[in-house]
């Protein structure tokens, strides 16, 4: 799975854990032997709740209304502002990972977008060549060798793990996120959730056609964690290498 596909899929993983069908065969439901998922029976129950109720009756309908009735320029501005508030966290996590250029870029982005960019609603920094260098404390812990811990499907929040959960708490402790009042913080989170759900509309069919959407999402979740911790330099398994060789051989035979 390339970076673009993982990025598109993972939008929804940070909200409700996917929007695919939750039906599984009795045989699949009885085989819970994934060491990364010791609470699979409970996690699957929460997966069903997230999809069958929350996404089906709340998140998806609200997202459709938001997309249909909110002007694109307003959506872009609100989303830019929400992301801009995370730049101090990005800066510190880049520093903790020894990425000095990323630290300076993130700090510069925050200063530029918060002033010239009208409180972050306009992404001036990107126009000037300062592309976003997103880093989370969960990734920092991964760089330091800390394992993910067990997989958790959290009601209303979706896929998570101990390391990422701790990272999320730490990331929201930095200024200015720590200074936001409850209502402003909820508004910011809501904008990110809606934009994340909207971004996955085109990916719904892929999830719906999966034999076991729960396992599909879980595997994609861990692949994405590894991808982010290793900055995209993920080593392929022998099976993946063999498949790539077969594809290359086939393509070469056509030349």
C-alpha atoms as a PDB file:
ATOM      1  CA  UNK A   1       0.000   0.000   0.000  1.00  0.00           C
ATOM      2  CA  UNK A   2       1.615   3.254  -1.124  1.00  0.00           C
ATOM      3  CA  UNK A   3       1.703   6.480   0.808  1.00  0.00           C
ATOM      4  CA  UNK A   4      -1.234   8.046  -1.028  1.00  0.00           C
ATOM      5  CA  UNK A   5      -3.533   5.090  -0.360  1.00  0.00           C
ATOM      6  CA  UNK A   6      -2.495   4.849   3.277  1.00  0.00           C
ATOM      7  CA  UNK A   7      -3.016   8.577   3.740  1.00  0.00           C
ATOM      8  CA  UNK A   8      -6.468   8.498   2.179  1.00  0.00           C
ATOM      9  CA  UNK A   9      -7.553   5.464   4.164  1.00  0.00           C
ATOM     10  CA  UNK A  10      -6.156   6.742   7.416  1.00  0.00           C
ATOM     11  CA  UNK A  11      -8.288   9.863   7.455  1.00  0.00           C
ATOM     12  CA  UNK A  12     -11.217   7.803   8.613  1.00  0.00           C
ATOM     13  CA  UNK A  13      -9.140   5.692  10.984  1.00  0.00           C
ATOM     14  CA  UNK A  14      -8.627   8.778  13.136  1.00  0.00           C
ATOM     15  CA  UNK A  15     -12.374   9.354  13.378  1.00  0.00           C
ATOM     16  CA  UNK A  16     -14.717   6.414  13.660  1.00  0.00           C
ATOM     17  CA  UNK A  17     -12.561   3.558  12.544  1.00  0.00           C
ATOM     18  CA  UNK A  18     -13.870   3.171   9.049  1.00  0.00           C
ATOM     19  CA  UNK A  19     -17.181   3.017   7.283  1.00  0.00           C
ATOM     20  CA  UNK A  20     -17.094  -0.480   5.858  1.00  0.00           C
ATOM     21  CA  UNK A  21     -19.558  -3.236   6.438  1.00  0.00           C
ATOM     22  CA  UNK A  22     -19.019  -4.960   9.756  1.00  0.00           C
ATOM     23  CA  UNK A  23     -20.375  -8.362   8.803  1.00  0.00           C
ATOM     24  CA  UNK A  24     -18.015 -11.295   9.469  1.00  0.00           C
ATOM     25  CA  UNK A  25     -18.393 -15.034   9.209  1.00  0.00           C
ATOM     26  CA  UNK A  26     -18.684 -17.146  12.348  1.00  0.00           C
ATOM     27  CA  UNK A  27     -15.338 -18.695  11.541  1.00  0.00           C
ATOM     28  CA  UNK A  28     -13.615 -15.309  11.344  1.00  0.00           C
ATOM     29  CA  UNK A  29     -15.241 -14.125  14.551  1.00  0.00           C
ATOM     30  CA  UNK A  30     -14.007 -17.185  16.453  1.00  0.00           C
ATOM     31  CA  UNK A  31     -10.355 -16.944  15.417  1.00  0.00           C
ATOM     32  CA  UNK A  32      -8.902 -14.235  17.618  1.00  0.00           C
ATOM     33  CA  UNK A  33      -5.206 -15.027  17.636  1.00  0.00           C
ATOM     34  CA  UNK A  34      -3.531 -11.748  16.704  1.00  0.00           C
ATOM     35  CA  UNK A  35      -0.938 -10.920  19.402  1.00  0.00           C
ATOM     36  CA  UNK A  36      -1.355  -7.218  18.618  1.00  0.00           C
ATOM     37  CA  UNK A  37      -5.092  -7.476  19.264  1.00  0.00           C
ATOM     38  CA  UNK A  38      -5.630  -9.343  22.575  1.00  0.00           C
ATOM     39  CA  UNK A  39      -9.035  -7.699  23.066  1.00  0.00           C
ATOM     40  CA  UNK A  40     -10.372  -8.526  19.610  1.00  0.00           C
ATOM     41  CA  UNK A  41     -13.780  -9.806  20.712  1.00  0.00           C
ATOM     42  CA  UNK A  42     -14.476  -6.516  22.527  1.00  0.00           C
ATOM     43  CA  UNK A  43     -12.859  -4.456  19.791  1.00  0.00           C
ATOM     44  CA  UNK A  44     -15.112  -6.016  17.156  1.00  0.00           C
ATOM     45  CA  UNK A  45     -18.166  -5.128  19.217  1.00  0.00           C
ATOM     46  CA  UNK A  46     -17.038  -1.501  19.366  1.00  0.00           C
ATOM     47  CA  UNK A  47     -16.264  -1.610  15.638  1.00  0.00           C
ATOM     48  CA  UNK A  48     -19.857  -2.623  14.950  1.00  0.00           C
ATOM     49  CA  UNK A  49     -21.102   0.176  17.187  1.00  0.00           C
ATOM     50  CA  UNK A  50     -18.892   2.746  15.463  1.00  0.00           C
ATOM     51  CA  UNK A  51     -20.005   1.713  11.998  1.00  0.00           C
ATOM     52  CA  UNK A  52     -23.605   0.557  12.373  1.00  0.00           C
ATOM     53  CA  UNK A  53     -24.734   3.402  14.610  1.00  0.00           C
ATOM     54  CA  UNK A  54     -22.326   6.341  14.844  1.00  0.00           C
ATOM     55  CA  UNK A  55     -21.111   6.487  11.273  1.00  0.00           C
ATOM     56  CA  UNK A  56     -24.339   5.358   9.643  1.00  0.00           C
ATOM     57  CA  UNK A  57     -26.692   7.627  11.575  1.00  0.00           C
ATOM     58  CA  UNK A  58     -24.504  10.527  12.683  1.00  0.00           C
ATOM     59  CA  UNK A  59     -21.103  11.144  11.140  1.00  0.00           C
ATOM     60  CA  UNK A  60     -21.750  10.357   7.487  1.00  0.00           C
ATOM     61  CA  UNK A  61     -25.069  12.280   7.231  1.00  0.00           C
ATOM     62  CA  UNK A  62     -23.589  15.288   9.039  1.00  0.00           C
ATOM     63  CA  UNK A  63     -20.529  15.174   6.775  1.00  0.00           C
ATOM     64  CA  UNK A  64     -22.693  15.110   3.638  1.00  0.00           C
ATOM     65  CA  UNK A  65     -24.598  18.195   4.825  1.00  0.00           C
ATOM     66  CA  UNK A  66     -21.348  19.952   5.755  1.00  0.00           C
ATOM     67  CA  UNK A  67     -19.815  19.285   2.342  1.00  0.00           C
ATOM     68  CA  UNK A  68     -22.964  20.206   0.407  1.00  0.00           C
ATOM     69  CA  UNK A  69     -23.741  23.468   2.191  1.00  0.00           C
ATOM     70  CA  UNK A  70     -20.387  24.884   3.321  1.00  0.00           C
ATOM     71  CA  UNK A  71     -18.506  26.921   0.683  1.00  0.00           C
ATOM     72  CA  UNK A  72     -15.150  25.408  -0.231  1.00  0.00           C
ATOM     73  CA  UNK A  73     -13.212  28.540   0.735  1.00  0.00           C
ATOM     74  CA  UNK A  74     -14.754  28.419   4.219  1.00  0.00           C
ATOM     75  CA  UNK A  75     -13.965  24.706   4.610  1.00  0.00           C
ATOM     76  CA  UNK A  76     -10.375  25.279   3.517  1.00  0.00           C
ATOM     77  CA  UNK A  77      -9.910  28.194   5.902  1.00  0.00           C
ATOM     78  CA  UNK A  78     -11.328  26.354   8.906  1.00  0.00           C
ATOM     79  CA  UNK A  79      -9.258  23.255   8.209  1.00  0.00           C
ATOM     80  CA  UNK A  80      -6.089  25.314   7.734  1.00  0.00           C
ATOM     81  CA  UNK A  81      -6.705  27.029  11.066  1.00  0.00           C
ATOM     82  CA  UNK A  82      -7.196  23.691  12.828  1.00  0.00           C
ATOM     83  CA  UNK A  83      -3.950  22.306  11.394  1.00  0.00           C
ATOM     84  CA  UNK A  84      -2.062  25.492  12.187  1.00  0.00           C
ATOM     85  CA  UNK A  85      -2.727  25.024  15.902  1.00  0.00           C
ATOM     86  CA  UNK A  86      -0.738  21.781  15.743  1.00  0.00           C
ATOM     87  CA  UNK A  87       2.436  23.347  14.365  1.00  0.00           C
ATOM     88  CA  UNK A  88       4.058  23.979  17.795  1.00  0.00           C
ATOM     89  CA  UNK A  89       3.578  20.280  18.566  1.00  0.00           C
ATOM     90  CA  UNK A  90       5.055  19.379  15.180  1.00  0.00           C
ATOM     91  CA  UNK A  91       8.022  21.620  15.903  1.00  0.00           C
ATOM     92  CA  UNK A  92       8.802  20.041  19.269  1.00  0.00           C
ATOM     93  CA  UNK A  93       8.402  16.474  18.006  1.00  0.00           C
ATOM     94  CA  UNK A  94      10.683  17.203  15.064  1.00  0.00           C
ATOM     95  CA  UNK A  95      13.253  18.466  17.571  1.00  0.00           C
ATOM     96  CA  UNK A  96      12.887  15.379  19.767  1.00  0.00           C
ATOM     97  CA  UNK A  97      13.517  13.212  16.713  1.00  0.00           C
ATOM     98  CA  UNK A  98      16.637  15.176  15.767  1.00  0.00           C
ATOM     99  CA  UNK A  99      15.029  16.784  12.720  1.00  0.00           C
ATOM    100  CA  UNK A 100      16.227  20.346  13.103  1.00  0.00           C
ATOM    101  CA  UNK A 101      15.048  21.412   9.662  1.00  0.00           C
ATOM    102  CA  UNK A 102      11.575  20.105  10.416  1.00  0.00           C
ATOM    103  CA  UNK A 103      11.549  21.946  13.737  1.00  0.00           C
ATOM    104  CA  UNK A 104      12.430  25.255  12.095  1.00  0.00           C
ATOM    105  CA  UNK A 105       9.956  24.762   9.257  1.00  0.00           C
ATOM    106  CA  UNK A 106       7.103  23.947  11.640  1.00  0.00           C
ATOM    107  CA  UNK A 107       7.903  26.944  13.807  1.00  0.00           C
ATOM    108  CA  UNK A 108       8.175  29.206  10.764  1.00  0.00           C
ATOM    109  CA  UNK A 109       4.862  27.915   9.437  1.00  0.00           C
ATOM    110  CA  UNK A 110       3.127  28.706  12.715  1.00  0.00           C
ATOM    111  CA  UNK A 111       4.494  32.240  12.870  1.00  0.00           C
ATOM    112  CA  UNK A 112       3.725  33.022   9.226  1.00  0.00           C
ATOM    113  CA  UNK A 113       0.267  31.498   9.091  1.00  0.00           C
ATOM    114  CA  UNK A 114      -0.784  32.902  12.462  1.00  0.00           C
ATOM    115  CA  UNK A 115       0.070  36.445  11.389  1.00  0.00           C
ATOM    116  CA  UNK A 116       0.137  36.966   7.626  1.00  0.00           C
ATOM    117  CA  UNK A 117      -2.185  33.999   7.174  1.00  0.00           C
ATOM    118  CA  UNK A 118      -4.933  35.496   9.358  1.00  0.00           C
ATOM    119  CA  UNK A 119      -4.815  33.116  12.336  1.00  0.00           C
ATOM    120  CA  UNK A 120      -3.947  30.186  10.112  1.00  0.00           C
ATOM    121  CA  UNK A 121      -6.955  30.356   7.820  1.00  0.00           C
ATOM    122  CA  UNK A 122      -4.642  30.991   4.852  1.00  0.00           C
ATOM    123  CA  UNK A 123      -1.700  28.635   4.354  1.00  0.00           C
ATOM    124  CA  UNK A 124       0.831  31.273   3.348  1.00  0.00           C
ATOM    125  CA  UNK A 125       3.760  29.102   4.417  1.00  0.00           C
ATOM    126  CA  UNK A 126       3.047  26.378   1.866  1.00  0.00           C
ATOM    127  CA  UNK A 127       2.852  28.982  -0.894  1.00  0.00           C
ATOM    128  CA  UNK A 128       6.343  30.091   0.174  1.00  0.00           C
ATOM    129  CA  UNK A 129       7.699  26.532  -0.007  1.00  0.00           C
ATOM    130  CA  UNK A 130       7.456  25.633   3.685  1.00  0.00           C
ATOM    131  CA  UNK A 131       5.561  22.341   3.448  1.00  0.00           C
ATOM    132  CA  UNK A 132       4.059  20.825   6.576  1.00  0.00           C
ATOM    133  CA  UNK A 133       6.319  18.494   8.598  1.00  0.00           C
ATOM    134  CA  UNK A 134       3.776  16.652  10.728  1.00  0.00           C
ATOM    135  CA  UNK A 135       5.227  14.679  13.635  1.00  0.00           C
ATOM    136  CA  UNK A 136       3.366  13.313  16.662  1.00  0.00           C
ATOM    137  CA  UNK A 137       4.664  12.316  20.072  1.00  0.00           C
ATOM    138  CA  UNK A 138       3.492   8.764  19.425  1.00  0.00           C
ATOM    139  CA  UNK A 139       5.879   8.693  16.454  1.00  0.00           C
ATOM    140  CA  UNK A 140       8.611  10.128  18.655  1.00  0.00           C
ATOM    141  CA  UNK A 141       8.119   7.286  21.141  1.00  0.00           C
ATOM    142  CA  UNK A 142       8.277   4.847  18.244  1.00  0.00           C
ATOM    143  CA  UNK A 143      11.580   6.388  17.143  1.00  0.00           C
ATOM    144  CA  UNK A 144      12.861   5.812  20.668  1.00  0.00           C
ATOM    145  CA  UNK A 145      11.984   2.122  20.451  1.00  0.00           C
ATOM    146  CA  UNK A 146       8.702   2.113  22.398  1.00  0.00           C
ATOM    147  CA  UNK A 147       6.252  -0.516  21.137  1.00  0.00           C
ATOM    148  CA  UNK A 148       2.663   0.212  20.208  1.00  0.00           C
ATOM    149  CA  UNK A 149       1.062  -1.933  22.889  1.00  0.00           C
ATOM    150  CA  UNK A 150      -2.321  -3.611  22.271  1.00  0.00           C
ATOM    151  CA  UNK A 151      -4.708  -2.500  19.566  1.00  0.00           C
ATOM    152  CA  UNK A 152      -7.807  -0.732  20.863  1.00  0.00           C
ATOM    153  CA  UNK A 153     -11.055   0.063  19.040  1.00  0.00           C
ATOM    154  CA  UNK A 154     -12.459   2.961  21.053  1.00  0.00           C
ATOM    155  CA  UNK A 155     -16.140   3.923  20.815  1.00  0.00           C
ATOM    156  CA  UNK A 156     -16.553   7.121  18.759  1.00  0.00           C
ATOM    157  CA  UNK A 157     -12.783   7.468  18.346  1.00  0.00           C
ATOM    158  CA  UNK A 158     -11.903   4.349  16.386  1.00  0.00           C
ATOM    159  CA  UNK A 159      -8.520   2.589  16.113  1.00  0.00           C
ATOM    160  CA  UNK A 160      -5.884   3.379  18.694  1.00  0.00           C
ATOM    161  CA  UNK A 161      -3.048   1.860  20.701  1.00  0.00           C
ATOM    162  CA  UNK A 162      -1.379   2.641  24.008  1.00  0.00           C
ATOM    163  CA  UNK A 163       1.597   4.457  22.487  1.00  0.00           C
ATOM    164  CA  UNK A 164      -0.526   6.630  20.216  1.00  0.00           C
ATOM    165  CA  UNK A 165      -2.993   7.349  22.992  1.00  0.00           C
ATOM    166  CA  UNK A 166      -0.224   8.611  25.252  1.00  0.00           C
ATOM    167  CA  UNK A 167       1.153  10.618  22.353  1.00  0.00           C
ATOM    168  CA  UNK A 168      -2.198  12.292  21.731  1.00  0.00           C
ATOM    169  CA  UNK A 169      -2.425  13.386  25.365  1.00  0.00           C
ATOM    170  CA  UNK A 170       1.087  14.850  25.275  1.00  0.00           C
ATOM    171  CA  UNK A 171       0.539  16.603  21.942  1.00  0.00           C
ATOM    172  CA  UNK A 172      -2.516  18.444  23.271  1.00  0.00           C
ATOM    173  CA  UNK A 173      -0.510  19.675  26.275  1.00  0.00           C
ATOM    174  CA  UNK A 174       1.522  22.137  24.219  1.00  0.00           C
ATOM    175  CA  UNK A 175       0.629  25.764  23.610  1.00  0.00           C
ATOM    176  CA  UNK A 176      -1.704  26.838  22.036  1.00  0.00           C
ATOM    177  CA  UNK A 177      -3.757  23.620  22.182  1.00  0.00           C
ATOM    178  CA  UNK A 178      -3.545  23.473  25.967  1.00  0.00           C
ATOM    179  CA  UNK A 179      -5.017  26.985  26.205  1.00  0.00           C
ATOM    180  CA  UNK A 180      -8.157  26.283  24.169  1.00  0.00           C
ATOM    181  CA  UNK A 181     -11.411  26.266  26.084  1.00  0.00           C
ATOM    182  CA  UNK A 182     -13.734  23.275  25.776  1.00  0.00           C
ATOM    183  CA  UNK A 183     -16.006  24.732  23.107  1.00  0.00           C
ATOM    184  CA  UNK A 184     -13.217  25.992  20.874  1.00  0.00           C
ATOM    185  CA  UNK A 185     -11.335  22.706  21.214  1.00  0.00           C
ATOM    186  CA  UNK A 186     -14.494  20.752  20.349  1.00  0.00           C
ATOM    187  CA  UNK A 187     -15.075  22.983  17.306  1.00  0.00           C
ATOM    188  CA  UNK A 188     -11.502  22.436  16.116  1.00  0.00           C
ATOM    189  CA  UNK A 189     -11.779  18.676  16.571  1.00  0.00           C
ATOM    190  CA  UNK A 190     -15.141  18.630  14.809  1.00  0.00           C
ATOM    191  CA  UNK A 191     -13.735  20.382  11.747  1.00  0.00           C
ATOM    192  CA  UNK A 192     -10.905  17.840  11.501  1.00  0.00           C
ATOM    193  CA  UNK A 193     -13.318  14.930  11.901  1.00  0.00           C
ATOM    194  CA  UNK A 194     -15.674  16.224   9.201  1.00  0.00           C
ATOM    195  CA  UNK A 195     -12.876  16.893   6.724  1.00  0.00           C
ATOM    196  CA  UNK A 196     -11.354  13.494   7.489  1.00  0.00           C
ATOM    197  CA  UNK A 197     -14.653  11.722   6.878  1.00  0.00           C
ATOM    198  CA  UNK A 198     -15.294  13.705   3.708  1.00  0.00           C
ATOM    199  CA  UNK A 199     -11.878  12.744   2.350  1.00  0.00           C
ATOM    200  CA  UNK A 200     -12.733   9.051   2.536  1.00  0.00           C
ATOM    201  CA  UNK A 201     -16.001   9.159   0.614  1.00  0.00           C
ATOM    202  CA  UNK A 202     -14.247   7.932  -2.507  1.00  0.00           C
ATOM    203  CA  UNK A 203     -12.637   5.057  -0.595  1.00  0.00           C
ATOM    204  CA  UNK A 204     -15.835   3.537   0.798  1.00  0.00           C
ATOM    205  CA  UNK A 205     -16.209   0.917  -1.925  1.00  0.00           C
ATOM    206  CA  UNK A 206     -12.742  -0.486  -1.278  1.00  0.00           C
ATOM    207  CA  UNK A 207     -13.585  -1.014   2.387  1.00  0.00           C
ATOM    208  CA  UNK A 208     -17.052  -2.380   1.695  1.00  0.00           C
ATOM    209  CA  UNK A 209     -15.633  -5.008  -0.654  1.00  0.00           C
ATOM    210  CA  UNK A 210     -13.103  -6.265   1.885  1.00  0.00           C
ATOM    211  CA  UNK A 211     -13.733  -9.831   3.131  1.00  0.00           C
ATOM    212  CA  UNK A 212     -13.151  -8.691   6.718  1.00  0.00           C
ATOM    213  CA  UNK A 213     -13.251  -4.891   7.056  1.00  0.00           C
ATOM    214  CA  UNK A 214     -12.232  -5.029  10.725  1.00  0.00           C
ATOM    215  CA  UNK A 215      -8.971  -6.844   9.940  1.00  0.00           C
ATOM    216  CA  UNK A 216      -8.418  -4.710   6.854  1.00  0.00           C
ATOM    217  CA  UNK A 217      -8.596  -1.512   8.876  1.00  0.00           C
ATOM    218  CA  UNK A 218      -6.483  -2.933  11.697  1.00  0.00           C
ATOM    219  CA  UNK A 219      -3.709  -4.015   9.319  1.00  0.00           C
ATOM    220  CA  UNK A 220      -3.797  -0.651   7.544  1.00  0.00           C
ATOM    221  CA  UNK A 221      -3.609   1.080  10.930  1.00  0.00           C
ATOM    222  CA  UNK A 222      -0.410  -0.703  11.941  1.00  0.00           C
ATOM    223  CA  UNK A 223       1.081  -0.282   8.476  1.00  0.00           C
ATOM    224  CA  UNK A 224       0.461   3.435   8.728  1.00  0.00           C
ATOM    225  CA  UNK A 225       2.071   3.619  12.182  1.00  0.00           C
ATOM    226  CA  UNK A 226       5.170   1.870  10.882  1.00  0.00           C
ATOM    227  CA  UNK A 227       5.200   4.053   7.772  1.00  0.00           C
ATOM    228  CA  UNK A 228       5.119   7.229   9.856  1.00  0.00           C
ATOM    229  CA  UNK A 229       7.714   6.123  12.402  1.00  0.00           C
ATOM    230  CA  UNK A 230      10.120   5.064   9.644  1.00  0.00           C
ATOM    231  CA  UNK A 231       9.375   8.145   7.516  1.00  0.00           C
ATOM    232  CA  UNK A 232       8.134   6.003   4.663  1.00  0.00           C
ATOM    233  CA  UNK A 233      11.158   3.690   4.650  1.00  0.00           C
ATOM    234  CA  UNK A 234       9.288   0.469   5.444  1.00  0.00           C
ATOM    235  CA  UNK A 235      11.059  -2.770   4.608  1.00  0.00           C
ATOM    236  CA  UNK A 236       9.051  -5.160   2.460  1.00  0.00           C
ATOM    237  CA  UNK A 237       8.392  -8.765   3.471  1.00  0.00           C
ATOM    238  CA  UNK A 238       9.747 -11.635   1.381  1.00  0.00           C
ATOM    239  CA  UNK A 239       6.258 -12.217  -0.018  1.00  0.00           C
ATOM    240  CA  UNK A 240       5.978  -8.557  -1.055  1.00  0.00           C
ATOM    241  CA  UNK A 241       9.435  -8.630  -2.631  1.00  0.00           C
ATOM    242  CA  UNK A 242       8.540 -11.802  -4.542  1.00  0.00           C
ATOM    243  CA  UNK A 243       5.297 -10.238  -5.758  1.00  0.00           C
ATOM    244  CA  UNK A 244       7.152  -7.132  -6.935  1.00  0.00           C
ATOM    245  CA  UNK A 245       9.657  -9.337  -8.796  1.00  0.00           C
ATOM    246  CA  UNK A 246       6.827 -11.230 -10.498  1.00  0.00           C
ATOM    247  CA  UNK A 247       5.162  -7.971 -11.552  1.00  0.00           C
ATOM    248  CA  UNK A 248       8.445  -6.594 -12.887  1.00  0.00           C
ATOM    249  CA  UNK A 249       9.116  -9.818 -14.803  1.00  0.00           C
ATOM    250  CA  UNK A 250       5.644  -9.709 -16.334  1.00  0.00           C
ATOM    251  CA  UNK A 251       5.989  -6.061 -17.343  1.00  0.00           C
ATOM    252  CA  UNK A 252       9.412  -6.725 -18.859  1.00  0.00           C
ATOM    253  CA  UNK A 253       7.973  -9.577 -20.914  1.00  0.00           C
ATOM    254  CA  UNK A 254       5.562  -7.127 -22.524  1.00  0.00           C
ATOM    255  CA  UNK A 255       8.306  -4.836 -23.770  1.00  0.00           C
END
